[in-house]
Amino acid sequence: MNAVIYARYSSDNQREESIEGQLRECMAFAESKGLTVIESYIDRAFSAKTDNRPEFQRMVKESIKRKFEVVIVWKLDRFSRNRYDSAHYKAQLKKNNVRVVSATESISDDASGILLESMLEGFAEYYSADLSEKVIRGLTENALKCKYNGGGMTLGYTVDDEQYFQIDPVLAPIIQDAFKRYVDGATIKNLVDHFKELGVKNYRGGDLSIDAVKLMLKNRKYIGEYSYRDIVTPGGIPAIVPEELFNKAQERMAKNKKAPARHKAKQDMYLLTTKLLCGKCGAYMVGESGTSRNGAFHQYYKCAHVKQHKGCDKKTVRKAWIEDIVVHYAMEKVMDDDYINEVSEKAFEAQSKENTVIPQIKKQLAETEKAINNMIKAIEQGIITSSTKDRLQELEQTKENLQINLAREQMTKPPLDKDQVKFFIMQFRNLDITKEHDREILIDNFVNCIFLFDDRIIFVFNHQADYETVNLQDLECSDINDITAPKHKPHGY
């Protein structure tokens, strides 16, 4: 795997030498884990309490290019001291298949911190899903009435004031003529040129492409069929093209369709990246894939030191086999009521510890209110000077500003009560572990790391100080179906 290093020091009595030390330890960590460092991002004299750091932002932006899979930091506080920013940017990197690891901390973060990040990410995801459901509900109501639901307008139609589809009197005849031309032998390229000659543009104002015309010829709206998700209503909108003409166009497209080119099989994400370590040498086990001589596609994890011929003899393991085992044991933890109660309590406690801004504002607000009360008492006792009124107005303005800042902070980072915390954690039980996305969520939130030996697996779960060992021979008696360890590499390697 390729990696980058992120190093930083703030302006509080730190010097350039601290950067050199961070880089040295990060490079040593990369060497020990079999990672290839391709670049370093360094912010000098920038605090991690803010995300306004130029090199940090450049690193996050460049993760989109998928040139690296790991960000190495000396300690996690180099990445961010703000738990909310940390959760946000780790989630952003994760979307680009990039993980953040610490070179000097054996556990990625303290248990309560990891959990709080999980909660914040879960809260955001829940809010997004809830909002999506409400939006879909409204769109579904529109669809049942065959109304326009937004997006690019289909060529040949307009929408009236009540959002119903109406035929465009100018473009509709041109669309029908295009179908006739195609049925009579015109090519897609001929139609593209014809539309260009007539000055017909797409809804963005650009020329129609070959792909756009292909989609046009397949669009069942032109025979009056309205569809949204699983709602299909024949005759729901005015038809532009007679159904017989439309069907002839489909028949010709089917005849002209060439056999699709062979595409490389889609590769699933390797869920255990930076979490699966070789039990023999401690290096990361990295994902690899290939096609055997008989054409079968295989995916597996391989020790980075074996890959680099550095003396380790750890056996390669199938991707599906080890990931199924990890998902199984992670779900067992989630279904354990005692574990959920313990985790919920830690998350609730972590929330108050991590948000240092709100307590600070409340303290300043209390001090300001006390000063105002003292000033009022002095006035009541007749102790008035020329500056008393100005000072009281100043304190009142300070109080108002603090109240505004407190409200803004509470809206940005809403506190969760114990019931909300437990509710969100319980939602992990609803994950469908047959789906890749749900498996990723489960592993990211509950699995810290796994040490894989030839005869056993050591699990280190988040939110726990101890670890669990599972003997591979015991798996044959477990309820995990068909995940016994492979004895040989796939044929052809």
Protein backbone atom coordinates (compact mmCIF):
# COMPACT_ATOMS: atom_id res chain seq x y z
CA MET A 1 0.00 0.00 0.00
CA ASN A 2 1.04 3.59 -0.63
CA ALA A 3 1.04 5.99 2.29
CA VAL A 4 1.58 9.68 3.02
CA ILE A 5 2.80 11.31 6.22
CA TYR A 6 1.05 14.25 7.85
CA ALA A 7 3.22 16.19 10.32
CA ARG A 8 2.42 19.37 12.24
CA TYR A 9 3.56 21.55 15.07
CA SER A 10 1.83 24.49 16.68
CA SER A 11 3.46 27.77 17.62
CA ASP A 12 3.68 26.97 21.32
CA ASN A 13 7.43 26.55 21.92
CA GLN A 14 7.96 23.97 19.19
CA ARG A 15 10.61 24.07 16.50
CA GLU A 16 11.49 22.56 13.15
CA GLU A 17 13.26 19.71 14.95
CA SER A 18 9.88 18.38 16.11
CA ILE A 19 8.88 17.89 12.46
CA GLU A 20 12.06 15.94 11.76
CA GLY A 21 11.35 13.69 14.73
CA GLN A 22 7.78 13.07 13.58
CA LEU A 23 8.91 12.24 10.05
CA ARG A 24 11.63 9.90 11.32
CA GLU A 25 9.25 7.89 13.51
CA CYS A 26 6.56 7.84 10.81
CA MET A 27 9.07 6.55 8.24
CA ALA A 28 10.21 3.83 10.65
CA PHE A 29 6.58 2.83 11.22
CA ALA A 30 5.95 2.68 7.46
CA GLU A 31 9.02 0.46 7.00
CA SER A 32 7.89 -1.92 9.76
CA LYS A 33 4.38 -2.22 8.28
CA GLY A 34 5.49 -2.63 4.67
CA LEU A 35 4.06 0.74 3.54
CA THR A 36 5.55 2.86 0.74
CA VAL A 37 5.63 6.57 1.61
CA ILE A 38 5.07 8.68 -1.51
CA GLU A 39 4.70 12.17 0.00
CA SER A 40 4.72 14.22 3.22
CA TYR A 41 2.34 17.04 4.11
CA ILE A 42 3.70 19.44 6.75
CA ASP A 43 1.94 22.33 8.54
CA ARG A 44 4.28 24.56 10.55
CA ALA A 45 2.98 26.74 13.39
CA PHE A 46 -0.66 25.68 12.95
CA SER A 47 -2.89 24.52 15.78
CA ALA A 48 -4.86 21.28 15.39
CA LYS A 49 -7.83 22.90 17.12
CA THR A 50 -8.79 24.28 13.73
CA ASP A 51 -9.03 22.64 10.32
CA ASN A 52 -7.76 25.80 8.63
CA ARG A 53 -4.37 24.26 7.80
CA PRO A 54 -3.21 24.52 4.15
CA GLU A 55 -1.24 21.26 3.89
CA PHE A 56 -3.90 19.36 5.81
CA GLN A 57 -6.58 20.56 3.40
CA ARG A 58 -4.37 19.77 0.40
CA MET A 59 -3.89 16.22 1.70
CA VAL A 60 -7.64 15.69 2.13
CA LYS A 61 -8.32 17.13 -1.32
CA GLU A 62 -5.65 14.97 -3.01
CA SER A 63 -7.04 11.79 -1.41
CA ILE A 64 -9.68 11.94 -4.15
CA LYS A 65 -6.99 10.91 -6.66
CA ARG A 66 -6.69 7.50 -4.89
CA LYS A 67 -2.88 7.56 -5.04
CA PHE A 68 -2.51 6.52 -1.39
CA GLU A 69 -4.44 4.33 1.05
CA VAL A 70 -2.97 5.37 4.41
CA VAL A 71 -2.23 8.63 6.22
CA ILE A 72 0.46 8.17 8.90
CA VAL A 73 0.63 10.62 11.81
CA TRP A 74 3.09 10.64 14.70
CA LYS A 75 0.18 10.85 17.14
CA LEU A 76 -3.49 11.33 16.44
CA ASP A 77 -3.46 14.80 18.00
CA ARG A 78 -1.30 15.83 15.02
CA PHE A 79 -4.31 15.08 12.81
CA SER A 80 -6.80 17.01 14.92
CA ARG A 81 -7.44 18.03 18.52
CA ASN A 82 -11.08 18.67 17.75
CA ARG A 83 -13.05 15.40 17.94
CA TYR A 84 -15.74 16.73 15.66
CA ASP A 85 -13.29 17.80 12.95
CA SER A 86 -11.46 14.49 13.35
CA ALA A 87 -14.65 12.50 12.78
CA HIS A 88 -15.58 14.66 9.79
CA TYR A 89 -12.24 14.42 7.99
CA LYS A 90 -11.66 10.75 8.76
CA ALA A 91 -15.07 10.04 7.25
CA GLN A 92 -14.16 12.14 4.21
CA LEU A 93 -10.88 10.26 3.76
CA LYS A 94 -12.65 6.94 4.27
CA LYS A 95 -14.90 7.68 1.30
CA ASN A 96 -11.71 7.74 -0.77
CA ASN A 97 -10.53 4.42 0.77
CA VAL A 98 -7.92 6.18 2.93
CA ARG A 99 -7.38 5.42 6.63
CA VAL A 100 -5.53 7.36 9.32
CA VAL A 101 -3.05 5.46 11.51
CA SER A 102 -0.79 6.52 14.37
CA ALA A 103 2.91 5.66 14.32
CA THR A 104 3.37 5.74 18.09
CA GLU A 105 0.00 4.73 19.55
CA SER A 106 -0.68 1.00 19.46
CA ILE A 107 -4.43 1.61 19.70
CA SER A 108 -5.76 4.12 17.22
CA ASP A 109 -7.25 6.27 20.01
CA ASP A 110 -8.61 5.97 23.53
CA ALA A 111 -11.77 3.89 23.79
CA SER A 112 -14.13 6.74 24.64
CA GLY A 113 -12.72 8.89 21.85
CA ILE A 114 -13.17 6.21 19.21
CA LEU A 115 -16.71 5.67 20.35
CA LEU A 116 -17.56 9.35 20.31
CA GLU A 117 -16.31 9.62 16.74
CA SER A 118 -18.47 6.64 15.85
CA MET A 119 -21.44 8.29 17.51
CA LEU A 120 -20.92 11.58 15.70
CA GLU A 121 -20.58 9.86 12.35
CA GLY A 122 -23.60 7.69 13.14
CA PHE A 123 -25.62 10.74 14.19
CA ALA A 124 -24.79 12.49 10.91
CA GLU A 125 -25.57 9.37 8.89
CA TYR A 126 -28.87 8.87 10.74
CA TYR A 127 -29.85 12.50 10.14
CA SER A 128 -28.97 12.19 6.46
CA ALA A 129 -30.94 8.95 6.10
CA ASP A 130 -33.91 10.42 7.96
CA LEU A 131 -33.88 13.49 5.74
CA SER A 132 -33.57 11.28 2.65
CA GLU A 133 -36.62 9.26 3.73
CA LYS A 134 -38.66 12.44 4.11
CA VAL A 135 -37.57 13.70 0.69
CA ILE A 136 -38.34 10.33 -0.95
CA ARG A 137 -41.73 10.31 0.74
CA GLY A 138 -42.56 13.68 -0.85
CA LEU A 139 -41.24 12.59 -4.26
CA THR A 140 -43.27 9.40 -4.05
CA GLU A 141 -46.43 11.43 -3.46
CA ASN A 142 -45.60 13.42 -6.60
CA ALA A 143 -44.93 10.22 -8.54
CA LEU A 144 -48.30 8.75 -7.63
CA LYS A 145 -49.83 11.82 -9.30
CA CYS A 146 -47.40 11.52 -12.27
CA LYS A 147 -45.86 14.91 -11.49
CA TYR A 148 -42.40 16.16 -12.44
CA ASN A 149 -39.89 15.27 -9.70
CA GLY A 150 -36.98 17.49 -10.69
CA GLY A 151 -33.77 16.74 -12.57
CA GLY A 152 -33.04 17.18 -16.26
CA MET A 153 -36.10 17.79 -18.38
CA THR A 154 -36.80 15.15 -21.02
CA LEU A 155 -36.45 16.63 -24.48
CA GLY A 156 -39.86 17.19 -26.06
CA TYR A 157 -41.69 17.95 -22.80
CA THR A 158 -42.41 21.00 -20.66
CA VAL A 159 -43.91 21.27 -17.18
CA ASP A 160 -46.94 23.40 -16.31
CA ASP A 161 -47.52 25.44 -13.14
CA GLU A 162 -48.86 22.38 -11.30
CA GLN A 163 -45.76 20.29 -12.22
CA TYR A 164 -47.54 18.07 -14.75
CA PHE A 165 -45.83 17.05 -18.02
CA GLN A 166 -47.02 18.73 -21.22
CA ILE A 167 -45.88 18.21 -24.83
CA ASP A 168 -43.47 20.81 -26.22
CA PRO A 169 -45.15 21.82 -29.52
CA VAL A 170 -41.78 22.75 -31.09
CA LEU A 171 -39.57 19.79 -30.11
CA ALA A 172 -42.12 16.94 -29.98
CA PRO A 173 -42.44 16.64 -33.80
CA ILE A 174 -38.64 16.61 -34.12
CA ILE A 175 -38.41 13.76 -31.58
CA GLN A 176 -41.05 11.72 -33.41
CA ASP A 177 -39.28 12.35 -36.71
CA ALA A 178 -35.99 11.11 -35.17
CA PHE A 179 -37.63 7.79 -34.25
CA LYS A 180 -38.95 7.43 -37.83
CA ARG A 181 -35.51 8.20 -39.29
CA TYR A 182 -33.87 5.61 -37.06
CA VAL A 183 -36.41 2.91 -37.94
CA ASP A 184 -35.91 3.72 -41.63
CA GLY A 185 -32.15 3.14 -41.39
CA ALA A 186 -30.48 6.29 -40.06
CA THR A 187 -27.58 5.71 -37.67
CA ILE A 188 -27.20 7.24 -34.21
CA LYS A 189 -24.45 9.46 -35.65
CA ASN A 190 -26.83 10.58 -38.40
CA LEU A 191 -29.36 11.60 -35.74
CA VAL A 192 -26.72 13.49 -33.75
CA ASP A 193 -25.77 15.47 -36.87
CA HIS A 194 -29.44 16.05 -37.69
CA PHE A 195 -30.15 17.48 -34.23
CA LYS A 196 -27.09 19.70 -34.55
CA GLU A 197 -28.26 21.06 -37.90
CA LEU A 198 -31.65 21.89 -36.38
CA GLY A 199 -30.02 23.56 -33.37
CA VAL A 200 -31.58 21.17 -30.87
CA LYS A 201 -29.81 21.38 -27.49
CA ASN A 202 -30.01 19.34 -24.30
CA TYR A 203 -31.48 20.87 -21.13
CA ARG A 204 -28.04 22.24 -20.18
CA GLY A 205 -27.74 24.04 -23.51
CA GLY A 206 -25.15 21.73 -25.06
CA ASP A 207 -25.17 19.59 -28.21
CA LEU A 208 -26.69 16.11 -28.00
CA SER A 209 -24.10 13.32 -27.80
CA ILE A 210 -24.30 9.79 -29.19
CA ASP A 211 -25.00 8.42 -25.70
CA ALA A 212 -27.75 10.99 -25.15
CA VAL A 213 -29.47 10.00 -28.40
CA LYS A 214 -29.22 6.30 -27.49
CA LEU A 215 -30.92 7.02 -24.17
CA MET A 216 -33.54 9.09 -25.96
CA LEU A 217 -34.46 6.17 -28.23
CA LYS A 218 -34.89 3.95 -25.15
CA ASN A 219 -36.86 6.45 -23.07
CA ARG A 220 -40.34 5.02 -22.42
CA LYS A 221 -41.65 8.45 -21.45
CA TYR A 222 -42.12 9.02 -25.17
CA ILE A 223 -44.90 6.38 -25.23
CA GLY A 224 -46.53 7.99 -22.19
CA GLU A 225 -45.07 5.78 -19.44
CA TYR A 226 -44.28 7.60 -16.18
CA SER A 227 -41.81 5.95 -13.81
CA TYR A 228 -40.16 6.81 -10.50
CA ARG A 229 -38.30 4.17 -8.46
CA ASP A 230 -40.75 1.23 -8.34
CA ILE A 231 -43.77 3.32 -9.44
CA VAL A 232 -44.64 2.78 -13.14
CA THR A 233 -47.78 4.33 -14.63
CA PRO A 234 -48.59 3.58 -18.32
CA GLY A 235 -50.38 6.56 -19.86
CA GLY A 236 -49.33 8.79 -16.96
CA ILE A 237 -48.01 11.50 -19.27
CA PRO A 238 -48.85 12.56 -22.86
CA ALA A 239 -47.22 10.32 -25.49
CA ILE A 240 -45.04 11.76 -28.25
CA VAL A 241 -44.15 8.56 -30.12
CA PRO A 242 -46.67 5.85 -31.14
CA GLU A 243 -45.97 2.60 -29.30
CA GLU A 244 -45.61 0.62 -32.55
CA LEU A 245 -42.91 3.00 -33.81
CA PHE A 246 -41.14 2.90 -30.44
CA ASN A 247 -41.09 -0.93 -30.43
CA LYS A 248 -39.61 -1.01 -33.95
CA ALA A 249 -36.83 1.29 -32.78
CA GLN A 250 -36.10 -1.08 -29.86
CA GLU A 251 -35.94 -4.05 -32.23
CA ARG A 252 -33.42 -2.29 -34.45
CA MET A 253 -31.28 -1.26 -31.44
CA ALA A 254 -31.27 -4.86 -30.21
CA LYS A 255 -30.05 -6.11 -33.62
CA ASN A 256 -27.32 -3.47 -33.81
CA LYS A 257 -26.11 -4.06 -30.29
CA LYS A 258 -22.63 -5.53 -30.26
CA ALA A 259 -21.35 -7.97 -27.67
CA PRO A 260 -20.08 -5.97 -24.71
CA ALA A 261 -16.34 -5.80 -24.20
CA ARG A 262 -14.92 -7.91 -21.42
CA HIS A 263 -14.54 -5.70 -18.41
CA LYS A 264 -12.32 -6.48 -15.54
CA ALA A 265 -14.30 -7.98 -12.68
CA LYS A 266 -15.33 -5.42 -10.12
CA GLN A 267 -13.11 -5.50 -7.09
CA ASP A 268 -14.73 -5.12 -3.71
CA MET A 269 -13.19 -2.86 -1.13
CA TYR A 270 -10.71 -4.56 1.19
CA LEU A 271 -12.47 -3.92 4.49
CA LEU A 272 -9.52 -4.83 6.71
CA THR A 273 -7.03 -2.37 5.24
CA THR A 274 -4.74 -1.11 8.09
CA LYS A 275 -6.63 -3.33 10.55
CA LEU A 276 -5.29 -6.77 9.57
CA LEU A 277 -1.72 -7.40 10.70
CA CYS A 278 0.59 -10.37 10.23
CA GLY A 279 0.88 -12.27 13.50
CA LYS A 280 4.45 -13.33 12.66
CA CYS A 281 6.13 -10.04 11.76
CA GLY A 282 3.57 -7.31 12.58
CA ALA A 283 3.40 -5.88 9.05
CA TYR A 284 0.10 -4.95 7.48
CA MET A 285 -1.58 -7.59 5.36
CA VAL A 286 -2.49 -5.93 2.08
CA GLY A 287 -5.22 -6.74 -0.40
CA GLU A 288 -4.33 -8.30 -3.75
CA SER A 289 -6.31 -9.81 -6.59
CA GLY A 290 -5.74 -11.72 -9.79
CA THR A 291 -7.11 -14.17 -12.30
CA SER A 292 -5.94 -17.79 -12.27
CA ARG A 293 -5.17 -19.88 -15.36
CA ASN A 294 -8.70 -21.20 -15.50
CA GLY A 295 -10.11 -17.64 -15.57
CA ALA A 296 -11.37 -17.54 -11.98
CA PHE A 297 -11.04 -14.19 -10.16
CA HIS A 298 -9.46 -14.34 -6.68
CA GLN A 299 -9.00 -11.81 -3.90
CA TYR A 300 -6.81 -12.31 -0.86
CA TYR A 301 -4.70 -10.66 1.85
CA LYS A 302 -0.94 -11.01 1.83
CA CYS A 303 1.69 -9.96 4.37
CA ALA A 304 3.50 -6.86 3.08
CA HIS A 305 6.86 -8.31 4.13
CA VAL A 306 6.14 -11.53 2.22
CA LYS A 307 5.26 -9.38 -0.78
CA GLN A 308 8.53 -7.46 -0.41
CA HIS A 309 10.57 -10.66 0.19
CA LYS A 310 11.70 -9.56 3.66
CA GLY A 311 11.84 -13.02 5.23
CA CYS A 312 8.31 -13.53 6.60
CA ASP A 313 6.61 -16.81 5.66
CA LYS A 314 3.00 -15.97 6.62
CA LYS A 315 0.48 -17.77 4.44
CA THR A 316 -1.79 -15.84 2.10
CA VAL A 317 -5.50 -15.95 3.06
CA ARG A 318 -8.68 -15.50 1.08
CA LYS A 319 -10.34 -12.09 1.45
CA ALA A 320 -13.86 -13.48 1.93
CA TRP A 321 -12.69 -15.99 4.54
CA ILE A 322 -11.00 -13.58 6.94
CA GLU A 323 -13.54 -10.78 6.45
CA ASP A 324 -16.43 -13.15 7.21
CA ILE A 325 -14.74 -14.22 10.44
CA VAL A 326 -14.14 -10.62 11.57
CA VAL A 327 -17.69 -9.54 10.71
CA HIS A 328 -19.10 -12.55 12.58
CA TYR A 329 -17.22 -11.79 15.80
CA ALA A 330 -17.89 -8.05 15.58
CA MET A 331 -21.62 -8.71 15.26
CA GLU A 332 -21.45 -11.01 18.28
CA LYS A 333 -20.14 -8.07 20.32
CA VAL A 334 -22.90 -5.80 19.05
CA MET A 335 -25.57 -8.34 20.05
CA ASP A 336 -24.19 -8.56 23.59
CA ASP A 337 -26.42 -6.40 25.87
CA ASP A 338 -23.72 -5.96 28.52
CA TYR A 339 -21.27 -4.75 25.91
CA ILE A 340 -23.80 -2.28 24.47
CA ASN A 341 -24.54 -0.88 27.96
CA GLU A 342 -20.84 -0.46 28.66
CA VAL A 343 -20.20 1.21 25.32
CA SER A 344 -23.20 3.54 25.71
CA GLU A 345 -21.99 4.71 29.11
CA LYS A 346 -18.49 5.41 27.79
CA ALA A 347 -19.84 7.32 24.82
CA PHE A 348 -22.02 9.51 27.02
CA GLU A 349 -19.10 10.26 29.33
CA ALA A 350 -16.78 10.98 26.40
CA GLN A 351 -19.17 13.53 24.99
CA SER A 352 -18.86 15.86 27.98
CA LYS A 353 -15.09 15.39 28.13
CA GLU A 354 -14.48 16.13 24.46
CA ASN A 355 -16.52 19.30 24.02
CA THR A 356 -14.27 21.84 25.71
CA VAL A 357 -15.77 24.88 23.98
CA ILE A 358 -19.25 24.78 25.53
CA PRO A 359 -18.02 24.46 29.16
CA GLN A 360 -15.62 27.37 28.54
CA ILE A 361 -18.42 29.59 27.18
CA LYS A 362 -20.69 28.65 30.10
CA LYS A 363 -17.93 29.55 32.55
CA GLN A 364 -17.40 32.95 30.91
CA LEU A 365 -21.16 33.52 30.85
CA ALA A 366 -21.46 32.74 34.58
CA GLU A 367 -18.59 35.13 35.38
CA THR A 368 -20.18 37.87 33.28
CA GLU A 369 -23.57 37.44 34.93
CA LYS A 370 -21.91 37.58 38.34
CA ALA A 371 -20.18 40.83 37.39
CA ILE A 372 -23.49 42.30 36.20
CA ASN A 373 -25.21 41.33 39.47
CA ASN A 374 -22.39 42.92 41.48
CA MET A 375 -22.69 46.09 39.43
CA ILE A 376 -26.47 46.24 39.98
CA LYS A 377 -26.01 45.75 43.74
CA ALA A 378 -23.49 48.59 43.78
CA ILE A 379 -25.96 50.85 41.98
CA GLU A 380 -28.73 49.91 44.44
CA GLN A 381 -26.41 50.92 47.28
CA GLY A 382 -25.78 54.29 45.64
CA ILE A 383 -22.23 53.52 44.51
CA ILE A 384 -22.26 55.19 41.10
CA THR A 385 -19.36 56.63 39.13
CA SER A 386 -19.11 58.23 35.68
CA SER A 387 -18.04 54.92 34.16
CA THR A 388 -20.69 52.73 35.85
CA LYS A 389 -23.22 53.01 33.02
CA ASP A 390 -20.61 52.31 30.32
CA ARG A 391 -19.27 49.30 32.21
CA LEU A 392 -22.75 47.86 32.72
CA GLN A 393 -23.56 48.26 29.02
CA GLU A 394 -20.27 46.59 28.15
CA LEU A 395 -21.07 43.62 30.40
CA GLU A 396 -24.58 43.31 28.97
CA GLN A 397 -23.16 43.25 25.44
CA THR A 398 -20.61 40.61 26.47
CA LYS A 399 -23.39 38.50 27.97
CA GLU A 400 -25.43 38.75 24.77
CA ASN A 401 -22.45 37.75 22.63
CA LEU A 402 -21.68 34.77 24.85
CA GLN A 403 -25.31 33.61 24.72
CA ILE A 404 -25.23 33.80 20.91
CA ASN A 405 -21.94 31.85 20.78
CA LEU A 406 -23.31 29.23 23.16
CA ALA A 407 -26.47 28.76 21.09
CA ARG A 408 -24.43 28.52 17.89
CA GLU A 409 -22.05 25.95 19.42
CA GLN A 410 -24.91 23.85 20.78
CA MET A 411 -26.62 23.83 17.39
CA THR A 412 -23.39 22.87 15.63
CA LYS A 413 -22.50 20.16 18.12
CA PRO A 414 -25.78 19.03 19.70
CA PRO A 415 -25.32 17.07 22.95
CA LEU A 416 -26.91 13.62 23.13
CA ASP A 417 -28.57 12.27 26.27
CA LYS A 418 -28.01 8.69 27.46
CA ASP A 419 -31.12 7.35 25.74
CA GLN A 420 -30.06 8.88 22.41
CA VAL A 421 -26.56 7.47 22.76
CA LYS A 422 -27.87 3.97 23.42
CA PHE A 423 -30.43 4.29 20.63
CA PHE A 424 -27.76 5.09 18.04
CA ILE A 425 -25.49 2.27 19.18
CA MET A 426 -28.39 -0.19 19.11
CA GLN A 427 -28.89 0.69 15.44
CA PHE A 428 -25.75 -1.29 14.62
CA ARG A 429 -27.79 -4.41 15.33
CA ASN A 430 -29.89 -3.62 12.27
CA LEU A 431 -26.91 -3.79 9.91
CA ASP A 432 -27.25 -6.29 7.07
CA ILE A 433 -23.89 -8.05 7.13
CA THR A 434 -24.51 -9.48 3.67
CA LYS A 435 -24.06 -5.93 2.29
CA GLU A 436 -20.59 -4.51 1.75
CA HIS A 437 -21.44 -1.04 3.08
CA ASP A 438 -22.94 -2.39 6.30
CA ARG A 439 -19.96 -4.70 6.84
CA GLU A 440 -17.64 -1.73 6.47
CA ILE A 441 -19.60 0.30 9.06
CA LEU A 442 -19.47 -2.59 11.53
CA ILE A 443 -15.73 -3.17 11.16
CA ASP A 444 -14.80 0.51 11.24
CA ASN A 445 -16.75 1.20 14.41
CA PHE A 446 -15.98 -1.87 16.48
CA VAL A 447 -12.77 -3.51 15.28
CA ASN A 448 -9.45 -1.90 16.20
CA CYS A 449 -7.05 -4.45 14.74
CA ILE A 450 -6.60 -8.18 14.06
CA PHE A 451 -3.39 -10.17 14.34
CA LEU A 452 -3.54 -13.19 12.04
CA PHE A 453 -1.33 -16.21 12.72
CA ASP A 454 -1.38 -19.52 10.86
CA ASP A 455 -3.19 -21.22 13.76
CA ARG A 456 -5.07 -18.45 15.55
CA ILE A 457 -6.52 -14.93 15.33
CA ILE A 458 -6.21 -12.21 17.97
CA PHE A 459 -9.01 -9.63 17.97
CA VAL A 460 -8.63 -6.18 19.52
CA PHE A 461 -12.01 -4.47 19.66
CA ASN A 462 -12.59 -0.77 20.16
CA HIS A 463 -13.88 0.23 23.59
CA GLN A 464 -12.10 -2.72 25.28
CA ALA A 465 -8.72 -2.83 26.98
CA ASP A 466 -8.26 -6.60 26.57
CA TYR A 467 -8.16 -8.81 23.48
CA GLU A 468 -9.70 -12.11 22.39
CA THR A 469 -7.98 -15.09 20.79
CA VAL A 470 -9.71 -17.56 18.48
CA ASN A 471 -8.06 -20.80 17.35
CA LEU A 472 -8.61 -21.48 13.67
CA GLN A 473 -9.35 -25.16 14.32
CA ASP A 474 -12.30 -24.10 16.47
CA LEU A 475 -13.85 -22.37 13.47
CA GLU A 476 -14.67 -25.74 11.94
CA CYS A 477 -17.13 -26.26 14.81
CA SER A 478 -18.56 -22.74 14.70
CA ASP A 479 -21.73 -21.53 13.02
CA ILE A 480 -19.81 -19.64 10.34
CA ASN A 481 -20.52 -21.45 7.12
CA ASP A 482 -17.73 -22.32 4.72
CA ILE A 483 -14.99 -20.08 6.07
CA THR A 484 -12.35 -22.64 6.95
CA ALA A 485 -8.85 -21.45 6.18
CA PRO A 486 -7.55 -22.17 2.67
CA LYS A 487 -4.72 -24.67 2.70
CA HIS A 488 -3.22 -23.66 -0.66
CA LYS A 489 -3.11 -20.70 -2.98
CA PRO A 490 -5.71 -20.69 -5.76
CA HIS A 491 -4.71 -22.79 -8.76
CA GLY A 492 -2.61 -20.87 -11.23
CA TYR A 493 -0.48 -18.76 -8.86
